[in-house]
C-alpha cells in the first residue's frame, strides 16, 4: 500500500509539473518550432516576418487636383489684356506649352479621354485670403486628392499700405480655409505656394514704359505707384509691402506645418527670379505663359519629391 501511495504521489507530481511547463513555456518551444519573436529550439535566431511598409502620408502621384487662389492661378493677363486665361494656368491649364501641374501629374487622366474631370480651378482674379475659406468649401465638393493654394498677393497689393490685410487676419482666414477642407476631406493633400516677391516684380517691370502706363490703371498701387520715385518715403513704402509678404509666407508655412498632409513650397515661388520673359506683355506684373510654365515646374518638382522642401 505504501508503495502504491508513493507511485500515485509521483504520478501526481509529474502531472503537476507538466501543467506548469505548459503554462510557462511558449507553445512554439514545446513543439520545437521557431516563435515569431523568440529564438528557435536549436538556439539560432528566428526568422522574422517582414513588417508591411506603412503607407506614406504624402502621395507623389495624386489622381485629381483642385486649385484655389487668385489671378495668377486664373492665368490673368497671360493671353489677352485684362482677362483670365485659365487654359494656361500653372495648376490646371490645358495649354501644351505650359504643361500645367494637372497635365504633368494626370496626363490623359485629366478628363481629355475619359470624359470625367480630374481637375478644377476654383481660383478667382482679385481674390484675397478672406475669400479662400469659401473657395475651399467649393473644392471639397469636387473631392480632389490634391488642393493647390496660391493666394496673398492681393492682400499686399492694395490702394495704400494701410489697407493691406493684417498678418493676424491673414492667419485667421488661412486657418479657417484648412478647417473647411479638413471638415470634408481629412485625407486630401494640400500644396501651398509662397506669395511671389512683389518687389522683384516692381524692379523687373518698371524697365518697360508700357508696363508702367498699365500700372497706372490701378495694379498693386501699394507697390507699383510712382515706380521711378526713389525717395525715402517710396523706398519705405515698398519695403513695408515686402515685409508684409514675408510675414504672409511665414503664416502659410507655419499653418501648413501643423497638417501632416500639407506641403509648403519652402519659399520657392517667392525666391524665383522672374524676368521679362516670364511677365505678361500687357501688364509686366502677372506671369506670362512662360511664367506660368515656370510655376508649374516648381510645383511639380516639390509635389513629386519624396521629402518636402527645406
C-alpha atoms as a PDB file:
ATOM      1  CA  UNK A   1       0.000   0.000   0.000  1.00  0.00           C
ATOM      2  CA  UNK A   2       2.829   2.357   0.932  1.00  0.00           C
ATOM      3  CA  UNK A   3       4.483   1.689  -2.452  1.00  0.00           C
ATOM      4  CA  UNK A   4       1.197   2.315  -4.234  1.00  0.00           C
ATOM      5  CA  UNK A   5       0.789   5.646  -2.396  1.00  0.00           C
ATOM      6  CA  UNK A   6       4.315   6.677  -3.409  1.00  0.00           C
ATOM      7  CA  UNK A   7       3.545   5.735  -7.022  1.00  0.00           C
ATOM      8  CA  UNK A   8       0.327   7.730  -7.051  1.00  0.00           C
ATOM      9  CA  UNK A   9       2.122  10.700  -5.423  1.00  0.00           C
ATOM     10  CA  UNK A  10       4.888  10.501  -8.039  1.00  0.00           C
ATOM     11  CA  UNK A  11       2.396  10.451 -10.875  1.00  0.00           C
ATOM     12  CA  UNK A  12       0.580  13.478  -9.379  1.00  0.00           C
ATOM     13  CA  UNK A  13       3.806  15.465  -9.084  1.00  0.00           C
ATOM     14  CA  UNK A  14       4.705  14.592 -12.643  1.00  0.00           C
ATOM     15  CA  UNK A  15       1.294  15.690 -13.899  1.00  0.00           C
ATOM     16  CA  UNK A  16       1.537  18.975 -11.985  1.00  0.00           C
ATOM     17  CA  UNK A  17       4.953  19.644 -13.468  1.00  0.00           C
ATOM     18  CA  UNK A  18       3.601  19.134 -16.974  1.00  0.00           C
ATOM     19  CA  UNK A  19       0.821  21.634 -16.287  1.00  0.00           C
ATOM     20  CA  UNK A  20       3.325  24.208 -15.003  1.00  0.00           C
ATOM     21  CA  UNK A  21       5.551  23.732 -18.040  1.00  0.00           C
ATOM     22  CA  UNK A  22       2.568  24.034 -20.386  1.00  0.00           C
ATOM     23  CA  UNK A  23       1.607  27.323 -18.766  1.00  0.00           C
ATOM     24  CA  UNK A  24       5.063  28.874 -18.594  1.00  0.00           C
ATOM     25  CA  UNK A  25       6.705  27.672 -21.787  1.00  0.00           C
ATOM     26  CA  UNK A  26       5.575  29.110 -25.161  1.00  0.00           C
ATOM     27  CA  UNK A  27       3.700  26.689 -27.345  1.00  0.00           C
ATOM     28  CA  UNK A  28       6.233  27.041 -30.130  1.00  0.00           C
ATOM     29  CA  UNK A  29       9.055  25.989 -27.814  1.00  0.00           C
ATOM     30  CA  UNK A  30       7.194  22.825 -26.711  1.00  0.00           C
ATOM     31  CA  UNK A  31       6.591  21.934 -30.335  1.00  0.00           C
ATOM     32  CA  UNK A  32      10.199  22.590 -31.273  1.00  0.00           C
ATOM     33  CA  UNK A  33       9.162  25.401 -33.722  1.00  0.00           C
ATOM     34  CA  UNK A  34      10.605  28.930 -34.071  1.00  0.00           C
ATOM     35  CA  UNK A  35       8.466  31.559 -32.380  1.00  0.00           C
ATOM     36  CA  UNK A  36       7.931  34.797 -34.263  1.00  0.00           C
ATOM     37  CA  UNK A  37       9.703  36.908 -31.657  1.00  0.00           C
ATOM     38  CA  UNK A  38      11.974  34.440 -29.927  1.00  0.00           C
ATOM     39  CA  UNK A  39      14.925  32.098 -30.610  1.00  0.00           C
ATOM     40  CA  UNK A  40      14.405  28.728 -32.264  1.00  0.00           C
ATOM     41  CA  UNK A  41      14.719  25.479 -30.338  1.00  0.00           C
ATOM     42  CA  UNK A  42      18.202  24.897 -31.736  1.00  0.00           C
ATOM     43  CA  UNK A  43      19.391  28.276 -30.428  1.00  0.00           C
ATOM     44  CA  UNK A  44      19.565  30.089 -33.816  1.00  0.00           C
ATOM     45  CA  UNK A  45      17.800  33.398 -34.357  1.00  0.00           C
ATOM     46  CA  UNK A  46      14.274  33.043 -35.603  1.00  0.00           C
ATOM     47  CA  UNK A  47      13.325  34.402 -38.975  1.00  0.00           C
ATOM     48  CA  UNK A  48      11.068  37.414 -38.585  1.00  0.00           C
ATOM     49  CA  UNK A  49       8.134  38.022 -40.850  1.00  0.00           C
ATOM     50  CA  UNK A  50       8.659  41.212 -42.865  1.00  0.00           C
ATOM     51  CA  UNK A  51       6.589  44.059 -41.492  1.00  0.00           C
ATOM     52  CA  UNK A  52       4.330  45.727 -44.053  1.00  0.00           C
ATOM     53  CA  UNK A  53       5.639  49.113 -45.165  1.00  0.00           C
ATOM     54  CA  UNK A  54       3.491  51.941 -43.808  1.00  0.00           C
ATOM     55  CA  UNK A  55       1.562  53.905 -46.386  1.00  0.00           C
ATOM     56  CA  UNK A  56       3.299  57.280 -46.799  1.00  0.00           C
ATOM     57  CA  UNK A  57       1.211  60.272 -45.809  1.00  0.00           C
ATOM     58  CA  UNK A  58       2.305  62.188 -48.921  1.00  0.00           C
ATOM     59  CA  UNK A  59       1.278  60.696 -52.262  1.00  0.00           C
ATOM     60  CA  UNK A  60       3.545  61.933 -55.073  1.00  0.00           C
ATOM     61  CA  UNK A  61       1.014  60.980 -57.757  1.00  0.00           C
ATOM     62  CA  UNK A  62      -2.476  62.191 -56.779  1.00  0.00           C
ATOM     63  CA  UNK A  63      -5.233  61.303 -59.233  1.00  0.00           C
ATOM     64  CA  UNK A  64      -7.204  64.575 -59.107  1.00  0.00           C
ATOM     65  CA  UNK A  65      -6.471  68.257 -58.423  1.00  0.00           C
ATOM     66  CA  UNK A  66      -8.445  71.327 -57.371  1.00  0.00           C
ATOM     67  CA  UNK A  67      -6.870  74.792 -57.415  1.00  0.00           C
ATOM     68  CA  UNK A  68      -7.811  77.727 -55.192  1.00  0.00           C
ATOM     69  CA  UNK A  69      -6.365  81.220 -55.093  1.00  0.00           C
ATOM     70  CA  UNK A  70      -6.203  84.414 -57.120  1.00  0.00           C
ATOM     71  CA  UNK A  71      -5.489  85.830 -60.579  1.00  0.00           C
ATOM     72  CA  UNK A  72      -2.181  84.027 -61.007  1.00  0.00           C
ATOM     73  CA  UNK A  73      -3.947  80.677 -60.913  1.00  0.00           C
ATOM     74  CA  UNK A  74      -6.578  82.051 -63.330  1.00  0.00           C
ATOM     75  CA  UNK A  75      -3.878  82.970 -65.874  1.00  0.00           C
ATOM     76  CA  UNK A  76      -4.880  86.649 -65.776  1.00  0.00           C
ATOM     77  CA  UNK A  77      -3.237  88.805 -68.491  1.00  0.00           C
ATOM     78  CA  UNK A  78      -1.309  85.835 -69.863  1.00  0.00           C
ATOM     79  CA  UNK A  79      -3.247  85.616 -73.155  1.00  0.00           C
ATOM     80  CA  UNK A  80      -5.141  88.872 -73.608  1.00  0.00           C
ATOM     81  CA  UNK A  81      -5.211  92.183 -71.772  1.00  0.00           C
ATOM     82  CA  UNK A  82      -7.163  92.336 -68.513  1.00  0.00           C
ATOM     83  CA  UNK A  83      -8.781  88.920 -68.954  1.00  0.00           C
ATOM     84  CA  UNK A  84      -8.467  85.492 -67.365  1.00  0.00           C
ATOM     85  CA  UNK A  85      -6.897  82.716 -69.400  1.00  0.00           C
ATOM     86  CA  UNK A  86      -7.392  79.556 -67.296  1.00  0.00           C
ATOM     87  CA  UNK A  87      -6.139  77.303 -70.090  1.00  0.00           C
ATOM     88  CA  UNK A  88      -2.590  78.491 -69.310  1.00  0.00           C
ATOM     89  CA  UNK A  89      -2.957  78.201 -65.535  1.00  0.00           C
ATOM     90  CA  UNK A  90       0.102  76.683 -63.881  1.00  0.00           C
ATOM     91  CA  UNK A  91      -2.185  74.485 -61.779  1.00  0.00           C
ATOM     92  CA  UNK A  92      -4.945  73.153 -64.022  1.00  0.00           C
ATOM     93  CA  UNK A  93      -4.418  74.564 -67.519  1.00  0.00           C
ATOM     94  CA  UNK A  94      -4.555  72.590 -70.766  1.00  0.00           C
ATOM     95  CA  UNK A  95      -2.006  74.579 -72.794  1.00  0.00           C
ATOM     96  CA  UNK A  96       0.632  72.209 -74.196  1.00  0.00           C
ATOM     97  CA  UNK A  97       3.460  74.740 -73.836  1.00  0.00           C
ATOM     98  CA  UNK A  98       2.723  75.467 -70.183  1.00  0.00           C
ATOM     99  CA  UNK A  99       2.320  71.790 -69.225  1.00  0.00           C
ATOM    100  CA  UNK A 100       0.398  72.589 -66.085  1.00  0.00           C
ATOM    101  CA  UNK A 101       0.673  70.655 -62.867  1.00  0.00           C
ATOM    102  CA  UNK A 102      -2.509  68.763 -63.781  1.00  0.00           C
ATOM    103  CA  UNK A 103      -1.069  67.837 -67.180  1.00  0.00           C
ATOM    104  CA  UNK A 104       2.185  66.636 -65.649  1.00  0.00           C
ATOM    105  CA  UNK A 105       0.567  64.617 -62.871  1.00  0.00           C
ATOM    106  CA  UNK A 106      -2.563  63.334 -64.568  1.00  0.00           C
ATOM    107  CA  UNK A 107      -1.778  63.245 -68.284  1.00  0.00           C
ATOM    108  CA  UNK A 108      -4.639  61.629 -70.203  1.00  0.00           C
ATOM    109  CA  UNK A 109      -6.492  61.090 -66.931  1.00  0.00           C
ATOM    110  CA  UNK A 110      -7.249  64.808 -66.842  1.00  0.00           C
ATOM    111  CA  UNK A 111     -10.626  64.264 -68.479  1.00  0.00           C
ATOM    112  CA  UNK A 112      -9.431  64.605 -72.072  1.00  0.00           C
ATOM    113  CA  UNK A 113     -10.068  60.981 -72.916  1.00  0.00           C
ATOM    114  CA  UNK A 114     -12.087  59.591 -70.051  1.00  0.00           C
ATOM    115  CA  UNK A 115     -14.821  62.221 -70.161  1.00  0.00           C
ATOM    116  CA  UNK A 116     -14.526  62.624 -66.398  1.00  0.00           C
ATOM    117  CA  UNK A 117     -12.979  65.778 -64.968  1.00  0.00           C
ATOM    118  CA  UNK A 118      -9.903  65.277 -62.827  1.00  0.00           C
ATOM    119  CA  UNK A 119      -9.020  68.938 -62.212  1.00  0.00           C
ATOM    120  CA  UNK A 120     -10.974  72.013 -61.168  1.00  0.00           C
ATOM    121  CA  UNK A 121      -9.997  75.685 -60.963  1.00  0.00           C
ATOM    122  CA  UNK A 122     -11.855  77.474 -58.161  1.00  0.00           C
ATOM    123  CA  UNK A 123      -9.495  80.469 -58.062  1.00  0.00           C
ATOM    124  CA  UNK A 124     -10.784  83.998 -58.696  1.00  0.00           C
ATOM    125  CA  UNK A 125      -8.956  87.029 -60.040  1.00  0.00           C
ATOM    126  CA  UNK A 126      -8.697  89.704 -57.374  1.00  0.00           C
ATOM    127  CA  UNK A 127      -9.344  87.245 -54.546  1.00  0.00           C
ATOM    128  CA  UNK A 128      -7.815  87.876 -51.150  1.00  0.00           C
ATOM    129  CA  UNK A 129      -7.275  85.427 -48.312  1.00  0.00           C
ATOM    130  CA  UNK A 130     -10.697  86.239 -46.817  1.00  0.00           C
ATOM    131  CA  UNK A 131     -12.293  84.538 -49.842  1.00  0.00           C
ATOM    132  CA  UNK A 132     -10.216  81.382 -49.501  1.00  0.00           C
ATOM    133  CA  UNK A 133     -12.469  79.559 -46.986  1.00  0.00           C
ATOM    134  CA  UNK A 134     -15.378  79.711 -49.460  1.00  0.00           C
ATOM    135  CA  UNK A 135     -13.125  78.526 -52.290  1.00  0.00           C
ATOM    136  CA  UNK A 136     -12.033  75.610 -50.121  1.00  0.00           C
ATOM    137  CA  UNK A 137     -15.640  74.695 -49.492  1.00  0.00           C
ATOM    138  CA  UNK A 138     -16.224  74.554 -53.250  1.00  0.00           C
ATOM    139  CA  UNK A 139     -13.092  72.451 -53.644  1.00  0.00           C
ATOM    140  CA  UNK A 140     -14.370  69.975 -51.055  1.00  0.00           C
ATOM    141  CA  UNK A 141     -17.454  69.354 -53.194  1.00  0.00           C
ATOM    142  CA  UNK A 142     -15.276  68.030 -56.044  1.00  0.00           C
ATOM    143  CA  UNK A 143     -13.390  65.656 -53.709  1.00  0.00           C
ATOM    144  CA  UNK A 144      -9.879  66.092 -55.139  1.00  0.00           C
ATOM    145  CA  UNK A 145      -6.875  64.156 -53.887  1.00  0.00           C
ATOM    146  CA  UNK A 146      -4.762  67.333 -54.023  1.00  0.00           C
ATOM    147  CA  UNK A 147      -5.619  71.003 -53.496  1.00  0.00           C
ATOM    148  CA  UNK A 148      -3.181  73.704 -54.618  1.00  0.00           C
ATOM    149  CA  UNK A 149      -3.149  77.096 -52.902  1.00  0.00           C
ATOM    150  CA  UNK A 150      -1.665  80.327 -54.228  1.00  0.00           C
ATOM    151  CA  UNK A 151      -3.020  83.412 -52.513  1.00  0.00           C
ATOM    152  CA  UNK A 152      -1.810  86.534 -50.714  1.00  0.00           C
ATOM    153  CA  UNK A 153      -0.569  88.863 -53.433  1.00  0.00           C
ATOM    154  CA  UNK A 154      -3.848  90.806 -53.440  1.00  0.00           C
ATOM    155  CA  UNK A 155      -3.705  91.153 -49.659  1.00  0.00           C
ATOM    156  CA  UNK A 156      -0.471  93.125 -50.068  1.00  0.00           C
ATOM    157  CA  UNK A 157      -1.469  94.751 -53.369  1.00  0.00           C
ATOM    158  CA  UNK A 158      -3.902  97.395 -52.135  1.00  0.00           C
ATOM    159  CA  UNK A 159      -4.518 101.037 -52.926  1.00  0.00           C
ATOM    160  CA  UNK A 160      -2.382 102.049 -49.957  1.00  0.00           C
ATOM    161  CA  UNK A 161      -0.122 100.323 -47.461  1.00  0.00           C
ATOM    162  CA  UNK A 162      -2.601 100.979 -44.678  1.00  0.00           C
ATOM    163  CA  UNK A 163      -5.223  98.859 -46.466  1.00  0.00           C
ATOM    164  CA  UNK A 164      -3.094  95.716 -46.594  1.00  0.00           C
ATOM    165  CA  UNK A 165      -4.549  92.685 -44.810  1.00  0.00           C
ATOM    166  CA  UNK A 166      -3.142  92.374 -41.307  1.00  0.00           C
ATOM    167  CA  UNK A 167      -0.979  89.357 -40.555  1.00  0.00           C
ATOM    168  CA  UNK A 168      -3.407  88.275 -37.816  1.00  0.00           C
ATOM    169  CA  UNK A 169      -6.380  88.360 -40.205  1.00  0.00           C
ATOM    170  CA  UNK A 170      -4.358  86.548 -42.843  1.00  0.00           C
ATOM    171  CA  UNK A 171      -3.646  83.743 -40.368  1.00  0.00           C
ATOM    172  CA  UNK A 172      -7.270  83.531 -39.255  1.00  0.00           C
ATOM    173  CA  UNK A 173      -8.506  83.169 -42.840  1.00  0.00           C
ATOM    174  CA  UNK A 174      -5.931  80.564 -43.792  1.00  0.00           C
ATOM    175  CA  UNK A 175      -6.645  78.518 -40.675  1.00  0.00           C
ATOM    176  CA  UNK A 176     -10.354  78.702 -41.466  1.00  0.00           C
ATOM    177  CA  UNK A 177      -9.632  77.532 -45.005  1.00  0.00           C
ATOM    178  CA  UNK A 178      -7.737  74.491 -43.766  1.00  0.00           C
ATOM    179  CA  UNK A 179     -10.517  73.758 -41.282  1.00  0.00           C
ATOM    180  CA  UNK A 180     -13.103  73.859 -44.065  1.00  0.00           C
ATOM    181  CA  UNK A 181     -11.032  71.451 -46.116  1.00  0.00           C
ATOM    182  CA  UNK A 182     -10.411  69.041 -43.283  1.00  0.00           C
ATOM    183  CA  UNK A 183     -14.064  69.077 -42.284  1.00  0.00           C
ATOM    184  CA  UNK A 184     -14.938  67.414 -45.581  1.00  0.00           C
ATOM    185  CA  UNK A 185     -11.704  65.843 -46.816  1.00  0.00           C
ATOM    186  CA  UNK A 186      -9.479  64.728 -43.926  1.00  0.00           C
ATOM    187  CA  UNK A 187      -7.006  62.890 -46.189  1.00  0.00           C
ATOM    188  CA  UNK A 188      -6.739  65.253 -49.160  1.00  0.00           C
ATOM    189  CA  UNK A 189      -3.259  66.686 -49.682  1.00  0.00           C
ATOM    190  CA  UNK A 190      -2.576  70.415 -49.826  1.00  0.00           C
ATOM    191  CA  UNK A 191       0.244  72.115 -51.712  1.00  0.00           C
ATOM    192  CA  UNK A 192       0.800  75.737 -50.680  1.00  0.00           C
ATOM    193  CA  UNK A 193       2.772  78.120 -52.892  1.00  0.00           C
ATOM    194  CA  UNK A 194       4.507  81.084 -51.345  1.00  0.00           C
ATOM    195  CA  UNK A 195       3.434  84.611 -52.275  1.00  0.00           C
ATOM    196  CA  UNK A 196       5.652  85.985 -55.079  1.00  0.00           C
ATOM    197  CA  UNK A 197       8.273  88.641 -54.401  1.00  0.00           C
ATOM    198  CA  UNK A 198       6.315  91.752 -55.355  1.00  0.00           C
ATOM    199  CA  UNK A 199       9.344  93.963 -55.000  1.00  0.00           C
ATOM    200  CA  UNK A 200      11.171  91.837 -57.547  1.00  0.00           C
ATOM    201  CA  UNK A 201       8.228  92.217 -59.946  1.00  0.00           C
ATOM    202  CA  UNK A 202       8.349  96.013 -59.488  1.00  0.00           C
ATOM    203  CA  UNK A 203      12.095  96.065 -60.109  1.00  0.00           C
ATOM    204  CA  UNK A 204      11.814  93.995 -63.281  1.00  0.00           C
ATOM    205  CA  UNK A 205       8.634  95.513 -64.713  1.00  0.00           C
ATOM    206  CA  UNK A 206       9.499  99.186 -64.266  1.00  0.00           C
ATOM    207  CA  UNK A 207      12.064  98.888 -67.037  1.00  0.00           C
ATOM    208  CA  UNK A 208       9.181  98.718 -69.519  1.00  0.00           C
ATOM    209  CA  UNK A 209       7.498 102.071 -70.319  1.00  0.00           C
ATOM    210  CA  UNK A 210       4.253 100.447 -71.486  1.00  0.00           C
ATOM    211  CA  UNK A 211       4.072  98.378 -68.323  1.00  0.00           C
ATOM    212  CA  UNK A 212       4.321 101.472 -66.180  1.00  0.00           C
ATOM    213  CA  UNK A 213       1.423 103.037 -68.074  1.00  0.00           C
ATOM    214  CA  UNK A 214      -0.711  99.960 -67.403  1.00  0.00           C
ATOM    215  CA  UNK A 215       0.224 100.075 -63.713  1.00  0.00           C
ATOM    216  CA  UNK A 216      -1.488 103.466 -63.519  1.00  0.00           C
ATOM    217  CA  UNK A 217      -4.810 101.712 -64.124  1.00  0.00           C
ATOM    218  CA  UNK A 218      -4.645 100.545 -60.533  1.00  0.00           C
ATOM    219  CA  UNK A 219      -2.483  97.416 -60.430  1.00  0.00           C
ATOM    220  CA  UNK A 220      -0.912  96.853 -56.991  1.00  0.00           C
ATOM    221  CA  UNK A 221      -0.634 100.535 -56.106  1.00  0.00           C
ATOM    222  CA  UNK A 222       0.888  99.858 -52.684  1.00  0.00           C
ATOM    223  CA  UNK A 223       3.983  98.593 -54.505  1.00  0.00           C
ATOM    224  CA  UNK A 224       3.759  99.956 -58.052  1.00  0.00           C
ATOM    225  CA  UNK A 225       2.565 103.552 -57.714  1.00  0.00           C
ATOM    226  CA  UNK A 226       5.235 106.084 -58.792  1.00  0.00           C
ATOM    227  CA  UNK A 227       7.555 103.255 -59.876  1.00  0.00           C
ATOM    228  CA  UNK A 228      10.524 105.508 -60.642  1.00  0.00           C
ATOM    229  CA  UNK A 229      10.394 107.553 -57.449  1.00  0.00           C
ATOM    230  CA  UNK A 230      13.261 106.545 -55.162  1.00  0.00           C
ATOM    231  CA  UNK A 231      12.970 108.981 -52.261  1.00  0.00           C
ATOM    232  CA  UNK A 232      12.935 107.776 -48.647  1.00  0.00           C
ATOM    233  CA  UNK A 233       9.133 107.583 -48.442  1.00  0.00           C
ATOM    234  CA  UNK A 234       8.837 105.488 -51.608  1.00  0.00           C
ATOM    235  CA  UNK A 235      11.599 103.125 -50.509  1.00  0.00           C
ATOM    236  CA  UNK A 236       9.999 102.698 -47.103  1.00  0.00           C
ATOM    237  CA  UNK A 237       6.594 102.050 -48.684  1.00  0.00           C
ATOM    238  CA  UNK A 238       7.959  99.286 -50.906  1.00  0.00           C
ATOM    239  CA  UNK A 239       9.906  97.772 -48.012  1.00  0.00           C
ATOM    240  CA  UNK A 240       6.733  97.733 -45.903  1.00  0.00           C
ATOM    241  CA  UNK A 241       4.881  95.818 -48.628  1.00  0.00           C
ATOM    242  CA  UNK A 242       7.825  93.441 -48.961  1.00  0.00           C
ATOM    243  CA  UNK A 243       7.887  92.806 -45.203  1.00  0.00           C
ATOM    244  CA  UNK A 244       4.170  92.055 -45.228  1.00  0.00           C
ATOM    245  CA  UNK A 245       4.620  89.475 -47.985  1.00  0.00           C
ATOM    246  CA  UNK A 246       7.403  87.829 -45.987  1.00  0.00           C
ATOM    247  CA  UNK A 247       5.086  87.725 -42.962  1.00  0.00           C
ATOM    248  CA  UNK A 248       2.280  86.182 -45.046  1.00  0.00           C
ATOM    249  CA  UNK A 249       4.644  83.474 -46.234  1.00  0.00           C
ATOM    250  CA  UNK A 250       5.611  82.685 -42.657  1.00  0.00           C
ATOM    251  CA  UNK A 251       1.919  82.234 -41.819  1.00  0.00           C
ATOM    252  CA  UNK A 252       1.454  79.887 -44.782  1.00  0.00           C
ATOM    253  CA  UNK A 253       4.476  77.886 -43.707  1.00  0.00           C
ATOM    254  CA  UNK A 254       3.519  77.707 -40.021  1.00  0.00           C
ATOM    255  CA  UNK A 255      -0.125  76.752 -40.540  1.00  0.00           C
ATOM    256  CA  UNK A 256       0.770  74.208 -43.202  1.00  0.00           C
ATOM    257  CA  UNK A 257       3.376  72.614 -40.905  1.00  0.00           C
ATOM    258  CA  UNK A 258       0.620  71.719 -38.425  1.00  0.00           C
ATOM    259  CA  UNK A 259      -1.083  69.491 -41.001  1.00  0.00           C
ATOM    260  CA  UNK A 260       0.587  66.190 -41.886  1.00  0.00           C
ATOM    261  CA  UNK A 261      -0.831  66.251 -45.398  1.00  0.00           C
ATOM    262  CA  UNK A 262       0.123  69.840 -46.215  1.00  0.00           C
ATOM    263  CA  UNK A 263       3.330  70.739 -48.070  1.00  0.00           C
ATOM    264  CA  UNK A 264       4.633  74.328 -48.324  1.00  0.00           C
ATOM    265  CA  UNK A 265       6.903  75.148 -51.261  1.00  0.00           C
ATOM    266  CA  UNK A 266       9.736  76.281 -48.991  1.00  0.00           C
ATOM    267  CA  UNK A 267       9.601  79.797 -50.439  1.00  0.00           C
ATOM    268  CA  UNK A 268      10.329  78.586 -53.982  1.00  0.00           C
ATOM    269  CA  UNK A 269       7.880  80.945 -55.721  1.00  0.00           C
ATOM    270  CA  UNK A 270       8.977  83.905 -53.596  1.00  0.00           C
ATOM    271  CA  UNK A 271      12.616  83.147 -54.442  1.00  0.00           C
ATOM    272  CA  UNK A 272      12.024  82.692 -58.186  1.00  0.00           C
ATOM    273  CA  UNK A 273      13.730  85.433 -60.197  1.00  0.00           C
ATOM    274  CA  UNK A 274      11.043  86.430 -62.683  1.00  0.00           C
ATOM    275  CA  UNK A 275      12.441  88.157 -65.790  1.00  0.00           C
ATOM    276  CA  UNK A 276      10.727  89.979 -68.647  1.00  0.00           C
ATOM    277  CA  UNK A 277      10.127  86.685 -70.465  1.00  0.00           C
ATOM    278  CA  UNK A 278       8.113  85.381 -67.526  1.00  0.00           C
ATOM    279  CA  UNK A 279       5.935  88.511 -67.173  1.00  0.00           C
ATOM    280  CA  UNK A 280       2.778  89.440 -69.071  1.00  0.00           C
ATOM    281  CA  UNK A 281       3.408  91.609 -72.131  1.00  0.00           C
ATOM    282  CA  UNK A 282       0.322  93.605 -71.143  1.00  0.00           C
ATOM    283  CA  UNK A 283       0.965  94.469 -67.504  1.00  0.00           C
ATOM    284  CA  UNK A 284       4.560  93.340 -66.791  1.00  0.00           C
ATOM    285  CA  UNK A 285       3.430  92.075 -63.437  1.00  0.00           C
ATOM    286  CA  UNK A 286       1.372  88.880 -63.790  1.00  0.00           C
ATOM    287  CA  UNK A 287       3.070  85.725 -65.129  1.00  0.00           C
ATOM    288  CA  UNK A 288       3.123  85.186 -68.874  1.00  0.00           C
ATOM    289  CA  UNK A 289       2.750  81.737 -70.457  1.00  0.00           C
ATOM    290  CA  UNK A 290       6.462  81.295 -69.807  1.00  0.00           C
ATOM    291  CA  UNK A 291       5.998  82.382 -66.196  1.00  0.00           C
ATOM    292  CA  UNK A 292       3.068  80.005 -65.755  1.00  0.00           C
ATOM    293  CA  UNK A 293       5.263  77.207 -67.099  1.00  0.00           C
ATOM    294  CA  UNK A 294       7.931  78.014 -64.504  1.00  0.00           C
ATOM    295  CA  UNK A 295       5.337  77.932 -61.722  1.00  0.00           C
ATOM    296  CA  UNK A 296       4.121  74.534 -62.951  1.00  0.00           C
ATOM    297  CA  UNK A 297       7.705  73.234 -62.916  1.00  0.00           C
ATOM    298  CA  UNK A 298       8.238  74.419 -59.352  1.00  0.00           C
ATOM    299  CA  UNK A 299       5.006  72.842 -58.139  1.00  0.00           C
ATOM    300  CA  UNK A 300       5.589  69.539 -59.910  1.00  0.00           C
ATOM    301  CA  UNK A 301       9.130  69.263 -58.562  1.00  0.00           C
ATOM    302  CA  UNK A 302       8.021  69.892 -54.983  1.00  0.00           C
ATOM    303  CA  UNK A 303       4.928  67.701 -55.094  1.00  0.00           C
ATOM    304  CA  UNK A 304       6.710  64.682 -56.578  1.00  0.00           C
ATOM    305  CA  UNK A 305       9.722  64.944 -54.272  1.00  0.00           C
ATOM    306  CA  UNK A 306       9.956  62.259 -51.586  1.00  0.00           C
ATOM    307  CA  UNK A 307      10.726  64.883 -48.964  1.00  0.00           C
ATOM    308  CA  UNK A 308       9.194  68.356 -48.615  1.00  0.00           C
ATOM    309  CA  UNK A 309      11.283  71.451 -49.426  1.00  0.00           C
ATOM    310  CA  UNK A 310      13.535  72.597 -46.627  1.00  0.00           C
END
